[in-house]
Amino acid sequence: MSPRDRTDAPLVRALEHLEAGDWQPAHAIVQDDTSTLAAWLHGIVHTLEGDLDNARYWYGKAARVFPGADAVREEIAAARRALDAEGRTP
C-alpha cells in the first residue's frame, strides 16, 4: 500500500494545504475527522482564517495550548514534524 492510500492521507493533504496557506480545502478535510490530530489542524485552519475564538476551541479539543496567531507558521511546522515522526508522511 502506498503512503497516499493510508487512512491518514487526508490529514497529510490538509497539512499540505495549510503549508500553502490555503485553509479552505484544509477545513473541508479536517471538519469531518474526529481525531486529536485533526482537531489540532482544525485549530490551525481557524488561526489562518483569523477566527481565533474558534481556533482556541479546536486547540482545546486537541488538548493543546493555543499559542496565538503569531505562531501559526511554527504550529504548521510542528504538525509536519508530528506527522513525520509518526511515519504518516511519504
N, C-alpha and C. Protein backbone atom coordinates (compact mmCIF):
# COMPACT_ATOMS: atom_id res chain seq x y z
N MET A 1 0.86 -1.18 0.00
CA MET A 1 0.00 0.00 0.00
C MET A 1 0.89 1.23 0.00
N SER A 2 0.60 2.16 -0.86
CA SER A 2 1.39 3.39 -0.91
C SER A 2 1.00 4.30 0.23
N PRO A 3 1.89 5.23 0.63
CA PRO A 3 1.55 6.15 1.72
C PRO A 3 0.28 6.93 1.45
N ARG A 4 -0.01 7.26 0.21
CA ARG A 4 -1.21 8.04 -0.11
C ARG A 4 -2.49 7.24 0.04
N ASP A 5 -2.39 5.91 0.10
CA ASP A 5 -3.57 5.06 0.26
C ASP A 5 -3.95 4.87 1.72
N ARG A 6 -3.14 5.32 2.63
CA ARG A 6 -3.39 5.10 4.05
C ARG A 6 -4.56 5.97 4.52
N THR A 7 -5.15 5.57 5.64
CA THR A 7 -6.32 6.29 6.13
C THR A 7 -5.99 7.71 6.58
N ASP A 8 -4.72 7.99 6.89
CA ASP A 8 -4.36 9.33 7.32
C ASP A 8 -3.98 10.23 6.16
N ALA A 9 -4.05 9.74 4.94
CA ALA A 9 -3.70 10.55 3.77
C ALA A 9 -4.49 11.86 3.71
N PRO A 10 -5.78 11.89 4.07
CA PRO A 10 -6.49 13.17 4.05
C PRO A 10 -5.85 14.21 4.98
N LEU A 11 -5.37 13.79 6.14
CA LEU A 11 -4.74 14.75 7.05
C LEU A 11 -3.41 15.24 6.48
N VAL A 12 -2.71 14.39 5.77
CA VAL A 12 -1.48 14.82 5.10
C VAL A 12 -1.83 15.88 4.05
N ARG A 13 -2.89 15.63 3.30
CA ARG A 13 -3.32 16.63 2.29
C ARG A 13 -3.74 17.93 2.98
N ALA A 14 -4.44 17.82 4.10
CA ALA A 14 -4.86 19.02 4.83
C ALA A 14 -3.63 19.81 5.25
N LEU A 15 -2.63 19.13 5.76
CA LEU A 15 -1.40 19.81 6.17
C LEU A 15 -0.72 20.48 4.98
N GLU A 16 -0.70 19.82 3.85
CA GLU A 16 -0.11 20.42 2.64
C GLU A 16 -0.84 21.71 2.27
N HIS A 17 -2.16 21.71 2.39
CA HIS A 17 -2.93 22.94 2.13
C HIS A 17 -2.56 24.03 3.14
N LEU A 18 -2.42 23.65 4.40
CA LEU A 18 -2.06 24.63 5.42
C LEU A 18 -0.68 25.21 5.16
N GLU A 19 0.25 24.36 4.75
CA GLU A 19 1.60 24.83 4.43
C GLU A 19 1.57 25.84 3.28
N ALA A 20 0.60 25.70 2.38
CA ALA A 20 0.45 26.62 1.25
C ALA A 20 -0.39 27.85 1.63
N GLY A 21 -0.90 27.87 2.88
CA GLY A 21 -1.73 28.99 3.31
C GLY A 21 -3.15 28.92 2.79
N ASP A 22 -3.56 27.77 2.31
CA ASP A 22 -4.87 27.58 1.69
C ASP A 22 -5.78 26.85 2.68
N TRP A 23 -6.38 27.60 3.60
CA TRP A 23 -7.10 27.00 4.71
C TRP A 23 -8.45 26.40 4.32
N GLN A 24 -9.07 26.88 3.25
CA GLN A 24 -10.42 26.41 2.93
C GLN A 24 -10.47 24.92 2.57
N PRO A 25 -9.62 24.42 1.66
CA PRO A 25 -9.67 22.97 1.41
C PRO A 25 -9.20 22.15 2.63
N ALA A 26 -8.29 22.71 3.41
CA ALA A 26 -7.86 22.02 4.64
C ALA A 26 -9.05 21.89 5.58
N HIS A 27 -9.85 22.93 5.68
CA HIS A 27 -11.02 22.91 6.55
C HIS A 27 -12.01 21.84 6.11
N ALA A 28 -12.21 21.72 4.81
CA ALA A 28 -13.13 20.71 4.28
C ALA A 28 -12.68 19.31 4.67
N ILE A 29 -11.38 19.10 4.77
CA ILE A 29 -10.85 17.78 5.13
C ILE A 29 -10.98 17.53 6.63
N VAL A 30 -10.57 18.47 7.46
CA VAL A 30 -10.48 18.20 8.90
C VAL A 30 -11.81 18.28 9.62
N GLN A 31 -12.79 18.95 9.05
CA GLN A 31 -14.03 19.15 9.80
C GLN A 31 -14.81 17.87 10.06
N ASP A 32 -14.58 16.83 9.29
CA ASP A 32 -15.30 15.57 9.49
C ASP A 32 -14.47 14.51 10.19
N ASP A 33 -13.26 14.86 10.59
CA ASP A 33 -12.36 13.90 11.24
C ASP A 33 -12.39 14.18 12.75
N THR A 34 -12.55 13.15 13.55
CA THR A 34 -12.68 13.33 15.00
C THR A 34 -11.38 13.07 15.77
N SER A 35 -10.28 12.87 15.06
CA SER A 35 -9.02 12.58 15.74
C SER A 35 -8.44 13.83 16.41
N THR A 36 -7.56 13.61 17.35
CA THR A 36 -6.88 14.71 18.04
C THR A 36 -6.02 15.49 17.06
N LEU A 37 -5.36 14.79 16.14
CA LEU A 37 -4.54 15.47 15.14
C LEU A 37 -5.41 16.37 14.25
N ALA A 38 -6.56 15.88 13.85
CA ALA A 38 -7.46 16.69 13.04
C ALA A 38 -7.93 17.92 13.81
N ALA A 39 -8.18 17.77 15.11
CA ALA A 39 -8.58 18.92 15.92
C ALA A 39 -7.48 19.97 15.95
N TRP A 40 -6.22 19.53 16.08
CA TRP A 40 -5.10 20.47 16.06
C TRP A 40 -5.04 21.18 14.71
N LEU A 41 -5.13 20.42 13.63
CA LEU A 41 -5.11 21.04 12.30
C LEU A 41 -6.31 21.97 12.12
N HIS A 42 -7.45 21.60 12.69
CA HIS A 42 -8.65 22.44 12.63
C HIS A 42 -8.39 23.77 13.34
N GLY A 43 -7.69 23.70 14.46
CA GLY A 43 -7.31 24.93 15.16
C GLY A 43 -6.40 25.80 14.31
N ILE A 44 -5.47 25.17 13.61
CA ILE A 44 -4.58 25.92 12.72
C ILE A 44 -5.38 26.55 11.58
N VAL A 45 -6.35 25.80 11.04
CA VAL A 45 -7.22 26.33 9.98
C VAL A 45 -7.85 27.63 10.44
N HIS A 46 -8.44 27.61 11.62
CA HIS A 46 -9.16 28.81 12.09
C HIS A 46 -8.20 29.93 12.47
N THR A 47 -6.99 29.59 12.82
CA THR A 47 -5.98 30.63 13.06
C THR A 47 -5.66 31.33 11.75
N LEU A 48 -5.42 30.55 10.70
CA LEU A 48 -5.15 31.16 9.38
C LEU A 48 -6.33 31.98 8.90
N GLU A 49 -7.52 31.50 9.18
CA GLU A 49 -8.74 32.20 8.77
C GLU A 49 -8.92 33.51 9.54
N GLY A 50 -8.34 33.57 10.73
CA GLY A 50 -8.50 34.76 11.56
C GLY A 50 -9.60 34.63 12.60
N ASP A 51 -10.19 33.45 12.72
CA ASP A 51 -11.24 33.19 13.69
C ASP A 51 -10.59 32.59 14.94
N LEU A 52 -10.01 33.46 15.76
CA LEU A 52 -9.20 32.99 16.89
C LEU A 52 -10.01 32.34 18.00
N ASP A 53 -11.25 32.77 18.20
CA ASP A 53 -12.08 32.11 19.22
C ASP A 53 -12.33 30.65 18.83
N ASN A 54 -12.64 30.43 17.56
CA ASN A 54 -12.85 29.08 17.08
C ASN A 54 -11.54 28.28 17.13
N ALA A 55 -10.42 28.93 16.81
CA ALA A 55 -9.11 28.27 16.89
C ALA A 55 -8.86 27.80 18.32
N ARG A 56 -9.14 28.65 19.29
CA ARG A 56 -8.94 28.27 20.70
C ARG A 56 -9.78 27.04 21.05
N TYR A 57 -11.01 27.02 20.58
CA TYR A 57 -11.89 25.87 20.82
C TYR A 57 -11.24 24.58 20.31
N TRP A 58 -10.75 24.60 19.07
CA TRP A 58 -10.18 23.39 18.48
C TRP A 58 -8.86 23.01 19.12
N TYR A 59 -8.08 23.99 19.54
CA TYR A 59 -6.86 23.66 20.29
C TYR A 59 -7.23 22.96 21.60
N GLY A 60 -8.29 23.40 22.23
CA GLY A 60 -8.75 22.73 23.44
C GLY A 60 -9.17 21.29 23.17
N LYS A 61 -9.88 21.06 22.06
CA LYS A 61 -10.27 19.71 21.67
C LYS A 61 -9.05 18.83 21.41
N ALA A 62 -7.96 19.46 20.97
CA ALA A 62 -6.72 18.73 20.70
C ALA A 62 -5.84 18.61 21.95
N ALA A 63 -6.32 19.17 23.07
CA ALA A 63 -5.55 19.19 24.33
C ALA A 63 -4.20 19.87 24.14
N ARG A 64 -4.23 20.99 23.41
CA ARG A 64 -3.03 21.78 23.17
C ARG A 64 -3.29 23.22 23.61
N VAL A 65 -2.25 23.88 24.01
CA VAL A 65 -2.33 25.30 24.38
C VAL A 65 -2.33 26.11 23.09
N PHE A 66 -3.28 27.03 22.97
CA PHE A 66 -3.33 27.90 21.80
C PHE A 66 -2.19 28.91 21.89
N PRO A 67 -1.27 28.90 20.92
CA PRO A 67 -0.09 29.76 21.00
C PRO A 67 -0.29 31.16 20.45
N GLY A 68 -1.46 31.42 19.85
CA GLY A 68 -1.72 32.73 19.27
C GLY A 68 -1.45 32.76 17.77
N ALA A 69 -1.99 33.77 17.15
CA ALA A 69 -1.91 33.89 15.69
C ALA A 69 -0.49 34.06 15.18
N ASP A 70 0.37 34.66 15.98
CA ASP A 70 1.74 34.89 15.53
C ASP A 70 2.55 33.61 15.40
N ALA A 71 2.06 32.52 15.97
CA ALA A 71 2.80 31.26 15.95
C ALA A 71 2.27 30.28 14.90
N VAL A 72 1.42 30.72 13.99
CA VAL A 72 0.78 29.79 13.06
C VAL A 72 1.80 29.05 12.19
N ARG A 73 2.82 29.70 11.71
CA ARG A 73 3.84 29.03 10.88
C ARG A 73 4.59 27.98 11.70
N GLU A 74 4.89 28.31 12.94
CA GLU A 74 5.56 27.35 13.81
C GLU A 74 4.66 26.16 14.10
N GLU A 75 3.36 26.40 14.26
CA GLU A 75 2.42 25.32 14.51
C GLU A 75 2.30 24.39 13.29
N ILE A 76 2.28 24.96 12.12
CA ILE A 76 2.24 24.14 10.90
C ILE A 76 3.50 23.29 10.82
N ALA A 77 4.64 23.88 11.11
CA ALA A 77 5.91 23.13 11.08
C ALA A 77 5.90 22.04 12.15
N ALA A 78 5.34 22.32 13.33
CA ALA A 78 5.27 21.32 14.39
C ALA A 78 4.34 20.18 13.99
N ALA A 79 3.24 20.51 13.34
CA ALA A 79 2.32 19.47 12.87
C ALA A 79 3.01 18.59 11.82
N ARG A 80 3.80 19.19 10.97
CA ARG A 80 4.56 18.43 9.97
C ARG A 80 5.54 17.48 10.66
N ARG A 81 6.24 18.00 11.67
CA ARG A 81 7.18 17.15 12.41
C ARG A 81 6.45 16.00 13.09
N ALA A 82 5.27 16.28 13.64
CA ALA A 82 4.49 15.23 14.31
C ALA A 82 4.06 14.15 13.31
N LEU A 83 3.61 14.56 12.15
CA LEU A 83 3.21 13.58 11.12
C LEU A 83 4.43 12.78 10.66
N ASP A 84 5.54 13.46 10.46
CA ASP A 84 6.77 12.78 10.03
C ASP A 84 7.23 11.77 11.09
N ALA A 85 7.18 12.17 12.36
CA ALA A 85 7.63 11.30 13.45
C ALA A 85 6.77 10.06 13.58
N GLU A 86 5.49 10.19 13.24
CA GLU A 86 4.57 9.05 13.32
C GLU A 86 4.61 8.21 12.04
N GLY A 87 5.43 8.63 11.07
CA GLY A 87 5.53 7.89 9.82
C GLY A 87 4.32 8.03 8.93
N ARG A 88 3.58 9.11 9.12
CA ARG A 88 2.35 9.32 8.33
C ARG A 88 2.61 9.94 6.97
N THR A 89 3.73 10.61 6.81
CA THR A 89 4.00 11.28 5.55
C THR A 89 4.88 10.40 4.67
N PRO A 90 4.73 10.58 3.36
CA PRO A 90 5.51 9.75 2.44
C PRO A 90 6.99 10.07 2.49
